[in-house]
Amino acid sequence: MNRLQIESLLNEVREGRTEVSEALDRLRGLPFEDLGFAKLDHHRALRTGMPEVIFSAGKTPAQVAEIFTHMAQAGGNVLATRASQEVYDAVQSAQSAQSQKDGPRAEFHPTARAITLAQAPAIPGKGTIAVVCAGTSDLPVAEEAAVTARIMGNTVELIADVGVAGIHRLLAQKSALQSARVLVVCAGMEGALPTVVGGLVNAPVVAVPTSVGYGASFGGIAALLGMLNTCTPNVSVVNIDNGFGAASIASLINHL
């Protein structure tokens, strides 16, 4: 539950529209719920401004589905990253078993490898987050960032395939870049794009090195080192392929 949901529930109790016993039932899973193989942190949105997110890699489809179902029952929005079609099928089956015919359904974002359930109001961000990627091969990471930022209440503009090998493509997006409050920039190969973008805008740039590239890119290490050595002071860097982490930071900035 996020701050808006807690405030709404307390107001309902104060106004007599919700019984205290019902409110207690809705709060019973706080601060965490023990499933045996996982402990769900339902209080995280209250502490950090962002709910717990399911990292699907390494979990079985059944485990992800059970976690997803319990998080959905708590009433908040749900995001699962690095999810496959098989995982999504398991989540859909679990939703069907809960007889949620009229409520919102989980949505699969295949390029982003993410599953979302939007069922609660999110605190809106103050501006636009621009998610920029150098090449089409970087889209999975960029889409992960875009999906994450949207479920966290932000307006997102995705600008794809504007790498430095054709700098005119980037410059054609100058207006959109400069109107963004925060930017997430994803690039593989030599990782030059965030430095170029950072030199064009007066906003924070969160750089995401991707594992895209030939042998000497070392699975994204070359891009990571290039971004860490940027000469543009408004650029910070997250881990390789971590679109989720970049979007989380961008969302926090956009809500300040």
C-alpha atoms as a PDB file:
ATOM      1  CA  MET A   1       0.000   0.000   0.000  1.00  0.00           C
ATOM      2  CA  ASN A   2       1.271   3.467  -0.818  1.00  0.00           C
ATOM      3  CA  ARG A   3       0.692   6.736   1.049  1.00  0.00           C
ATOM      4  CA  LEU A   4      -2.405   7.636  -0.980  1.00  0.00           C
ATOM      5  CA  GLN A   5      -4.051   4.303  -0.166  1.00  0.00           C
ATOM      6  CA  ILE A   6      -3.274   4.537   3.558  1.00  0.00           C
ATOM      7  CA  GLU A   7      -4.612   8.120   3.699  1.00  0.00           C
ATOM      8  CA  SER A   8      -7.775   7.061   1.886  1.00  0.00           C
ATOM      9  CA  LEU A   9      -8.343   4.145   4.265  1.00  0.00           C
ATOM     10  CA  LEU A  10      -7.840   6.328   7.362  1.00  0.00           C
ATOM     11  CA  ASN A  11     -10.240   8.929   5.985  1.00  0.00           C
ATOM     12  CA  GLU A  12     -12.841   6.209   5.367  1.00  0.00           C
ATOM     13  CA  VAL A  13     -12.527   5.096   9.014  1.00  0.00           C
ATOM     14  CA  ARG A  14     -12.771   8.680  10.281  1.00  0.00           C
ATOM     15  CA  GLU A  15     -15.881   9.338   8.174  1.00  0.00           C
ATOM     16  CA  GLY A  16     -17.516   6.075   9.226  1.00  0.00           C
ATOM     17  CA  ARG A  17     -17.550   4.568   5.741  1.00  0.00           C
ATOM     18  CA  THR A  18     -15.249   1.705   6.793  1.00  0.00           C
ATOM     19  CA  GLU A  19     -15.408  -0.257  10.031  1.00  0.00           C
ATOM     20  CA  VAL A  20     -12.287  -0.445  12.177  1.00  0.00           C
ATOM     21  CA  SER A  21     -12.350  -4.250  11.911  1.00  0.00           C
ATOM     22  CA  GLU A  22     -12.404  -4.050   8.098  1.00  0.00           C
ATOM     23  CA  ALA A  23      -9.513  -1.597   8.114  1.00  0.00           C
ATOM     24  CA  LEU A  24      -7.553  -3.934  10.356  1.00  0.00           C
ATOM     25  CA  ASP A  25      -8.167  -6.796   7.923  1.00  0.00           C
ATOM     26  CA  ARG A  26      -6.821  -4.673   5.066  1.00  0.00           C
ATOM     27  CA  LEU A  27      -3.753  -3.730   7.096  1.00  0.00           C
ATOM     28  CA  ARG A  28      -3.165  -7.214   8.502  1.00  0.00           C
ATOM     29  CA  GLY A  29      -0.437  -8.044   5.955  1.00  0.00           C
ATOM     30  CA  LEU A  30       1.650  -5.041   6.980  1.00  0.00           C
ATOM     31  CA  PRO A  31       4.539  -4.617   7.301  1.00  0.00           C
ATOM     32  CA  PHE A  32       5.295  -7.944   5.599  1.00  0.00           C
ATOM     33  CA  GLU A  33       3.589 -11.200   4.672  1.00  0.00           C
ATOM     34  CA  ASP A  34       5.383 -14.524   5.074  1.00  0.00           C
ATOM     35  CA  LEU A  35       4.733 -17.028   2.270  1.00  0.00           C
ATOM     36  CA  GLY A  36       7.386 -19.446   3.528  1.00  0.00           C
ATOM     37  CA  PHE A  37       9.643 -19.138   0.486  1.00  0.00           C
ATOM     38  CA  ALA A  38       9.260 -15.339   0.339  1.00  0.00           C
ATOM     39  CA  LYS A  39       8.476 -12.470   2.706  1.00  0.00           C
ATOM     40  CA  LEU A  40       6.512  -9.765   0.909  1.00  0.00           C
ATOM     41  CA  ASP A  41       7.379  -6.233   1.998  1.00  0.00           C
ATOM     42  CA  HIS A  42       3.990  -4.513   1.748  1.00  0.00           C
ATOM     43  CA  HIS A  43       5.316  -1.513   3.706  1.00  0.00           C
ATOM     44  CA  ARG A  44       8.078  -0.625   1.255  1.00  0.00           C
ATOM     45  CA  ALA A  45       6.105   2.016  -0.636  1.00  0.00           C
ATOM     46  CA  LEU A  46       5.449   3.850   2.639  1.00  0.00           C
ATOM     47  CA  ARG A  47       9.147   3.829   3.546  1.00  0.00           C
ATOM     48  CA  THR A  48      10.778   4.437   0.184  1.00  0.00           C
ATOM     49  CA  GLY A  49       8.066   5.763  -2.128  1.00  0.00           C
ATOM     50  CA  MET A  50       8.242   2.656  -4.328  1.00  0.00           C
ATOM     51  CA  PRO A  51       6.596  -0.741  -3.789  1.00  0.00           C
ATOM     52  CA  GLU A  52       8.484  -4.012  -3.718  1.00  0.00           C
ATOM     53  CA  VAL A  53       9.067  -5.395  -7.213  1.00  0.00           C
ATOM     54  CA  ILE A  54       9.302  -9.063  -8.196  1.00  0.00           C
ATOM     55  CA  PHE A  55      12.590 -10.065  -9.833  1.00  0.00           C
ATOM     56  CA  SER A  56      11.422 -13.145 -11.720  1.00  0.00           C
ATOM     57  CA  ALA A  57      14.783 -14.548 -12.796  1.00  0.00           C
ATOM     58  CA  GLY A  58      15.729 -17.536 -10.647  1.00  0.00           C
ATOM     59  CA  LYS A  59      12.168 -18.049  -9.406  1.00  0.00           C
ATOM     60  CA  THR A  60       9.807 -20.703 -10.722  1.00  0.00           C
ATOM     61  CA  PRO A  61       6.663 -19.563 -12.572  1.00  0.00           C
ATOM     62  CA  ALA A  62       4.580 -20.894  -9.690  1.00  0.00           C
ATOM     63  CA  GLN A  63       6.570 -18.864  -7.151  1.00  0.00           C
ATOM     64  CA  VAL A  64       6.231 -15.668  -9.167  1.00  0.00           C
ATOM     65  CA  ALA A  65       2.503 -16.272  -9.634  1.00  0.00           C
ATOM     66  CA  GLU A  66       1.932 -16.764  -5.908  1.00  0.00           C
ATOM     67  CA  ILE A  67       3.938 -13.671  -4.997  1.00  0.00           C
ATOM     68  CA  PHE A  68       2.156 -11.660  -7.692  1.00  0.00           C
ATOM     69  CA  THR A  69      -1.258 -12.797  -6.461  1.00  0.00           C
ATOM     70  CA  HIS A  70      -0.604 -11.875  -2.839  1.00  0.00           C
ATOM     71  CA  MET A  71       0.828  -8.497  -3.791  1.00  0.00           C
ATOM     72  CA  ALA A  72      -2.225  -7.841  -5.957  1.00  0.00           C
ATOM     73  CA  GLN A  73      -4.542  -8.772  -3.079  1.00  0.00           C
ATOM     74  CA  ALA A  74      -2.843  -6.122  -0.948  1.00  0.00           C
ATOM     75  CA  GLY A  75      -4.347  -3.547  -3.316  1.00  0.00           C
ATOM     76  CA  GLY A  76      -1.279  -1.929  -4.841  1.00  0.00           C
ATOM     77  CA  ASN A  77       0.180  -1.903  -8.318  1.00  0.00           C
ATOM     78  CA  VAL A  78       2.421  -4.861  -9.105  1.00  0.00           C
ATOM     79  CA  LEU A  79       5.515  -5.134 -11.294  1.00  0.00           C
ATOM     80  CA  ALA A  80       7.477  -8.273 -12.137  1.00  0.00           C
ATOM     81  CA  THR A  81      10.703  -7.849 -14.092  1.00  0.00           C
ATOM     82  CA  ARG A  82      12.726 -10.330 -16.190  1.00  0.00           C
ATOM     83  CA  ALA A  83       9.610 -12.401 -16.760  1.00  0.00           C
ATOM     84  CA  SER A  84       9.044 -14.922 -19.543  1.00  0.00           C
ATOM     85  CA  GLN A  85       5.851 -15.880 -21.360  1.00  0.00           C
ATOM     86  CA  GLU A  86       5.734 -18.992 -19.159  1.00  0.00           C
ATOM     87  CA  VAL A  87       5.772 -16.823 -16.039  1.00  0.00           C
ATOM     88  CA  TYR A  88       3.029 -14.604 -17.447  1.00  0.00           C
ATOM     89  CA  ASP A  89       0.888 -17.660 -18.226  1.00  0.00           C
ATOM     90  CA  ALA A  90       1.246 -18.766 -14.601  1.00  0.00           C
ATOM     91  CA  VAL A  91       0.232 -15.310 -13.350  1.00  0.00           C
ATOM     92  CA  GLN A  92      -2.805 -15.312 -15.648  1.00  0.00           C
ATOM     93  CA  SER A  93      -3.854 -18.747 -14.387  1.00  0.00           C
ATOM     94  CA  ALA A  94      -3.534 -17.578 -10.793  1.00  0.00           C
ATOM     95  CA  GLN A  95      -5.649 -14.515 -11.545  1.00  0.00           C
ATOM     96  CA  SER A  96      -8.317 -16.663 -13.163  1.00  0.00           C
ATOM     97  CA  ALA A  97      -8.357 -18.939 -10.114  1.00  0.00           C
ATOM     98  CA  GLN A  98      -9.046 -15.883  -7.959  1.00  0.00           C
ATOM     99  CA  SER A  99     -12.137 -15.128 -10.101  1.00  0.00           C
ATOM    100  CA  GLN A 100     -11.001 -11.577 -10.825  1.00  0.00           C
ATOM    101  CA  LYS A 101     -13.292 -11.243 -13.815  1.00  0.00           C
ATOM    102  CA  ASP A 102     -14.163  -7.579 -13.480  1.00  0.00           C
ATOM    103  CA  GLY A 103     -10.960  -6.184 -12.045  1.00  0.00           C
ATOM    104  CA  PRO A 104      -7.825  -5.098 -13.886  1.00  0.00           C
ATOM    105  CA  ARG A 105      -5.789  -7.855 -15.482  1.00  0.00           C
ATOM    106  CA  ALA A 106      -2.051  -8.353 -15.512  1.00  0.00           C
ATOM    107  CA  GLU A 107      -0.378  -7.187 -18.715  1.00  0.00           C
ATOM    108  CA  PHE A 108       2.711  -8.696 -20.332  1.00  0.00           C
ATOM    109  CA  HIS A 109       5.287  -6.449 -21.977  1.00  0.00           C
ATOM    110  CA  PRO A 110       7.359  -8.910 -24.043  1.00  0.00           C
ATOM    111  CA  THR A 111      10.132  -6.549 -25.143  1.00  0.00           C
ATOM    112  CA  ALA A 112      10.617  -5.291 -21.594  1.00  0.00           C
ATOM    113  CA  ARG A 113      10.190  -8.832 -20.209  1.00  0.00           C
ATOM    114  CA  ALA A 114       7.891  -7.362 -17.572  1.00  0.00           C
ATOM    115  CA  ILE A 115       4.426  -8.001 -16.146  1.00  0.00           C
ATOM    116  CA  THR A 116       2.372  -5.171 -14.688  1.00  0.00           C
ATOM    117  CA  LEU A 117      -0.905  -4.855 -12.835  1.00  0.00           C
ATOM    118  CA  ALA A 118      -2.214  -1.288 -12.580  1.00  0.00           C
ATOM    119  CA  GLN A 119      -5.049  -1.197 -10.054  1.00  0.00           C
ATOM    120  CA  ALA A 120      -4.307   1.703  -7.715  1.00  0.00           C
ATOM    121  CA  PRO A 121      -3.635   5.432  -8.144  1.00  0.00           C
ATOM    122  CA  ALA A 122       0.058   6.250  -8.177  1.00  0.00           C
ATOM    123  CA  ILE A 123       1.452   9.550  -6.967  1.00  0.00           C
ATOM    124  CA  PRO A 124       2.128  11.414 -10.236  1.00  0.00           C
ATOM    125  CA  GLY A 125       5.602  12.587 -11.142  1.00  0.00           C
ATOM    126  CA  LYS A 126       6.181  16.302 -11.666  1.00  0.00           C
ATOM    127  CA  GLY A 127       7.455  16.113 -15.233  1.00  0.00           C
ATOM    128  CA  THR A 128       8.367  13.785 -18.071  1.00  0.00           C
ATOM    129  CA  ILE A 129      10.996  11.066 -17.909  1.00  0.00           C
ATOM    130  CA  ALA A 130      12.660  10.605 -21.292  1.00  0.00           C
ATOM    131  CA  VAL A 131      13.953   7.089 -21.875  1.00  0.00           C
ATOM    132  CA  VAL A 132      16.518   7.171 -24.667  1.00  0.00           C
ATOM    133  CA  CYS A 133      18.314   4.253 -26.285  1.00  0.00           C
ATOM    134  CA  ALA A 134      21.168   4.163 -28.754  1.00  0.00           C
ATOM    135  CA  GLY A 135      20.014   1.288 -30.944  1.00  0.00           C
ATOM    136  CA  THR A 136      17.097  -1.062 -31.447  1.00  0.00           C
ATOM    137  CA  SER A 137      19.188  -3.786 -29.787  1.00  0.00           C
ATOM    138  CA  ASP A 138      19.060  -1.726 -26.579  1.00  0.00           C
ATOM    139  CA  LEU A 139      15.250  -1.644 -26.581  1.00  0.00           C
ATOM    140  CA  PRO A 140      14.703  -4.472 -24.044  1.00  0.00           C
ATOM    141  CA  VAL A 141      16.572  -2.487 -21.397  1.00  0.00           C
ATOM    142  CA  ALA A 142      14.964   0.809 -22.428  1.00  0.00           C
ATOM    143  CA  GLU A 143      11.494  -0.737 -22.420  1.00  0.00           C
ATOM    144  CA  GLU A 144      12.119  -2.169 -18.948  1.00  0.00           C
ATOM    145  CA  ALA A 145      12.931   1.356 -17.798  1.00  0.00           C
ATOM    146  CA  ALA A 146       9.865   2.818 -19.513  1.00  0.00           C
ATOM    147  CA  VAL A 147       7.455   0.208 -18.097  1.00  0.00           C
ATOM    148  CA  THR A 148       8.921   0.670 -14.612  1.00  0.00           C
ATOM    149  CA  ALA A 149       8.682   4.451 -14.726  1.00  0.00           C
ATOM    150  CA  ARG A 150       5.065   4.362 -15.938  1.00  0.00           C
ATOM    151  CA  ILE A 151       3.836   1.958 -13.235  1.00  0.00           C
ATOM    152  CA  MET A 152       5.444   4.308 -10.690  1.00  0.00           C
ATOM    153  CA  GLY A 153       3.250   7.183 -11.823  1.00  0.00           C
ATOM    154  CA  ASN A 154       5.442   8.980 -14.329  1.00  0.00           C
ATOM    155  CA  THR A 155       4.777  10.342 -17.787  1.00  0.00           C
ATOM    156  CA  VAL A 156       7.321   8.665 -20.069  1.00  0.00           C
ATOM    157  CA  GLU A 157       8.559   9.447 -23.570  1.00  0.00           C
ATOM    158  CA  LEU A 158      10.552   6.696 -25.266  1.00  0.00           C
ATOM    159  CA  ILE A 159      13.110   7.878 -27.835  1.00  0.00           C
ATOM    160  CA  ALA A 160      14.671   4.925 -29.641  1.00  0.00           C
ATOM    161  CA  ASP A 161      17.522   4.351 -32.102  1.00  0.00           C
ATOM    162  CA  VAL A 162      19.322   7.683 -31.759  1.00  0.00           C
ATOM    163  CA  GLY A 163      22.893   6.468 -31.236  1.00  0.00           C
ATOM    164  CA  VAL A 164      25.991   8.546 -31.896  1.00  0.00           C
ATOM    165  CA  ALA A 165      26.768   6.723 -35.166  1.00  0.00           C
ATOM    166  CA  GLY A 166      24.063   8.969 -36.669  1.00  0.00           C
ATOM    167  CA  ILE A 167      24.156  12.004 -34.402  1.00  0.00           C
ATOM    168  CA  HIS A 168      21.598  13.887 -36.542  1.00  0.00           C
ATOM    169  CA  ARG A 169      18.925  11.453 -35.309  1.00  0.00           C
ATOM    170  CA  LEU A 170      19.598  12.539 -31.728  1.00  0.00           C
ATOM    171  CA  LEU A 171      19.720  16.242 -32.527  1.00  0.00           C
ATOM    172  CA  ALA A 172      16.319  15.960 -34.204  1.00  0.00           C
ATOM    173  CA  GLN A 173      14.959  15.046 -30.727  1.00  0.00           C
ATOM    174  CA  LYS A 174      16.556  18.043 -29.010  1.00  0.00           C
ATOM    175  CA  SER A 175      13.247  19.613 -27.973  1.00  0.00           C
ATOM    176  CA  ALA A 176      11.972  16.414 -26.354  1.00  0.00           C
ATOM    177  CA  LEU A 177      15.291  15.863 -24.596  1.00  0.00           C
ATOM    178  CA  GLN A 178      15.436  19.382 -23.203  1.00  0.00           C
ATOM    179  CA  SER A 179      11.830  19.336 -21.974  1.00  0.00           C
ATOM    180  CA  ALA A 180      12.357  16.193 -19.869  1.00  0.00           C
ATOM    181  CA  ARG A 181      12.770  16.546 -16.112  1.00  0.00           C
ATOM    182  CA  VAL A 182      14.928  13.406 -15.902  1.00  0.00           C
ATOM    183  CA  LEU A 183      16.488  11.222 -18.599  1.00  0.00           C
ATOM    184  CA  VAL A 184      17.391   7.543 -18.684  1.00  0.00           C
ATOM    185  CA  VAL A 185      19.888   6.809 -21.454  1.00  0.00           C
ATOM    186  CA  CYS A 186      20.686   3.222 -22.484  1.00  0.00           C
ATOM    187  CA  ALA A 187      23.608   2.299 -24.725  1.00  0.00           C
ATOM    188  CA  GLY A 188      25.920  -0.608 -25.457  1.00  0.00           C
ATOM    189  CA  MET A 189      29.037  -0.786 -27.653  1.00  0.00           C
ATOM    190  CA  GLU A 190      31.305   2.059 -26.431  1.00  0.00           C
ATOM    191  CA  GLY A 191      28.514   3.665 -24.362  1.00  0.00           C
ATOM    192  CA  ALA A 192      28.972   7.221 -25.625  1.00  0.00           C
ATOM    193  CA  LEU A 193      25.340   8.313 -25.847  1.00  0.00           C
ATOM    194  CA  PRO A 194      24.754   9.426 -22.204  1.00  0.00           C
ATOM    195  CA  THR A 195      27.716  11.811 -22.384  1.00  0.00           C
ATOM    196  CA  VAL A 196      26.362  13.407 -25.548  1.00  0.00           C
ATOM    197  CA  VAL A 197      22.839  13.680 -24.120  1.00  0.00           C
ATOM    198  CA  GLY A 198      24.190  15.073 -20.858  1.00  0.00           C
ATOM    199  CA  GLY A 199      25.874  17.864 -22.785  1.00  0.00           C
ATOM    200  CA  LEU A 200      22.559  18.899 -24.351  1.00  0.00           C
ATOM    201  CA  VAL A 201      20.305  19.105 -21.274  1.00  0.00           C
ATOM    202  CA  ASN A 202      20.141  20.760 -17.857  1.00  0.00           C
ATOM    203  CA  ALA A 203      18.574  17.730 -16.163  1.00  0.00           C
ATOM    204  CA  PRO A 204      19.874  14.603 -14.414  1.00  0.00           C
ATOM    205  CA  VAL A 205      20.870  11.791 -16.777  1.00  0.00           C
ATOM    206  CA  VAL A 206      20.836   8.195 -15.510  1.00  0.00           C
ATOM    207  CA  ALA A 207      23.076   6.144 -17.785  1.00  0.00           C
ATOM    208  CA  VAL A 208      22.456   2.433 -18.356  1.00  0.00           C
ATOM    209  CA  PRO A 209      25.221   0.390 -20.012  1.00  0.00           C
ATOM    210  CA  THR A 210      23.788  -2.530 -21.957  1.00  0.00           C
ATOM    211  CA  SER A 211      25.392  -5.857 -22.764  1.00  0.00           C
ATOM    212  CA  VAL A 212      25.017  -5.191 -26.497  1.00  0.00           C
ATOM    213  CA  GLY A 213      28.215  -5.286 -28.573  1.00  0.00           C
ATOM    214  CA  TYR A 214      30.951  -7.382 -30.116  1.00  0.00           C
ATOM    215  CA  GLY A 215      33.681  -9.235 -28.225  1.00  0.00           C
ATOM    216  CA  ALA A 216      35.692  -6.324 -26.878  1.00  0.00           C
ATOM    217  CA  SER A 217      32.559  -4.826 -25.334  1.00  0.00           C
ATOM    218  CA  PHE A 218      32.932  -7.601 -22.725  1.00  0.00           C
ATOM    219  CA  GLY A 219      29.189  -7.960 -22.172  1.00  0.00           C
ATOM    220  CA  GLY A 220      28.680  -4.284 -21.352  1.00  0.00           C
ATOM    221  CA  ILE A 221      31.828  -3.677 -19.295  1.00  0.00           C
ATOM    222  CA  ALA A 222      33.299  -1.393 -21.976  1.00  0.00           C
ATOM    223  CA  ALA A 223      30.116   0.717 -21.988  1.00  0.00           C
ATOM    224  CA  LEU A 224      30.046   0.747 -18.180  1.00  0.00           C
ATOM    225  CA  LEU A 225      33.636   2.000 -17.938  1.00  0.00           C
ATOM    226  CA  GLY A 226      33.039   4.576 -20.659  1.00  0.00           C
ATOM    227  CA  MET A 227      29.997   5.945 -18.822  1.00  0.00           C
ATOM    228  CA  LEU A 228      31.825   6.017 -15.489  1.00  0.00           C
ATOM    229  CA  ASN A 229      34.548   8.064 -17.171  1.00  0.00           C
ATOM    230  CA  THR A 230      32.109  10.564 -18.670  1.00  0.00           C
ATOM    231  CA  CYS A 231      33.195  14.200 -18.795  1.00  0.00           C
ATOM    232  CA  THR A 232      29.574  15.365 -18.435  1.00  0.00           C
ATOM    233  CA  PRO A 233      28.875  16.165 -14.749  1.00  0.00           C
ATOM    234  CA  ASN A 234      25.097  15.565 -14.799  1.00  0.00           C
ATOM    235  CA  VAL A 235      25.469  11.848 -15.648  1.00  0.00           C
ATOM    236  CA  SER A 236      25.262   9.038 -13.079  1.00  0.00           C
ATOM    237  CA  VAL A 237      25.544   5.334 -13.906  1.00  0.00           C
ATOM    238  CA  VAL A 238      23.724   2.154 -12.867  1.00  0.00           C
ATOM    239  CA  ASN A 239      24.664  -1.476 -13.438  1.00  0.00           C
ATOM    240  CA  ILE A 240      24.741  -3.247 -16.798  1.00  0.00           C
ATOM    241  CA  ASP A 241      21.251  -3.837 -18.273  1.00  0.00           C
ATOM    242  CA  ASN A 242      19.595  -2.401 -15.147  1.00  0.00           C
ATOM    243  CA  GLY A 243      16.718  -0.517 -16.742  1.00  0.00           C
ATOM    244  CA  PHE A 244      14.611  -1.107 -13.644  1.00  0.00           C
ATOM    245  CA  GLY A 245      17.157   0.493 -11.325  1.00  0.00           C
ATOM    246  CA  ALA A 246      17.616   3.491 -13.614  1.00  0.00           C
ATOM    247  CA  ALA A 247      13.858   4.071 -13.802  1.00  0.00           C
ATOM    248  CA  SER A 248      13.520   3.796 -10.025  1.00  0.00           C
ATOM    249  CA  ILE A 249      16.125   6.498  -9.486  1.00  0.00           C
ATOM    250  CA  ALA A 250      14.590   8.665 -12.205  1.00  0.00           C
ATOM    251  CA  SER A 251      11.145   8.259 -10.636  1.00  0.00           C
ATOM    252  CA  LEU A 252      12.407   9.321  -7.201  1.00  0.00           C
ATOM    253  CA  ILE A 253      13.987  12.424  -8.750  1.00  0.00           C
ATOM    254  CA  ASN A 254      10.805  13.181 -10.697  1.00  0.00           C
ATOM    255  CA  HIS A 255       8.728  13.027  -7.517  1.00  0.00           C
ATOM    256  CA  LEU A 256      10.921  15.410  -5.506  1.00  0.00           C
END
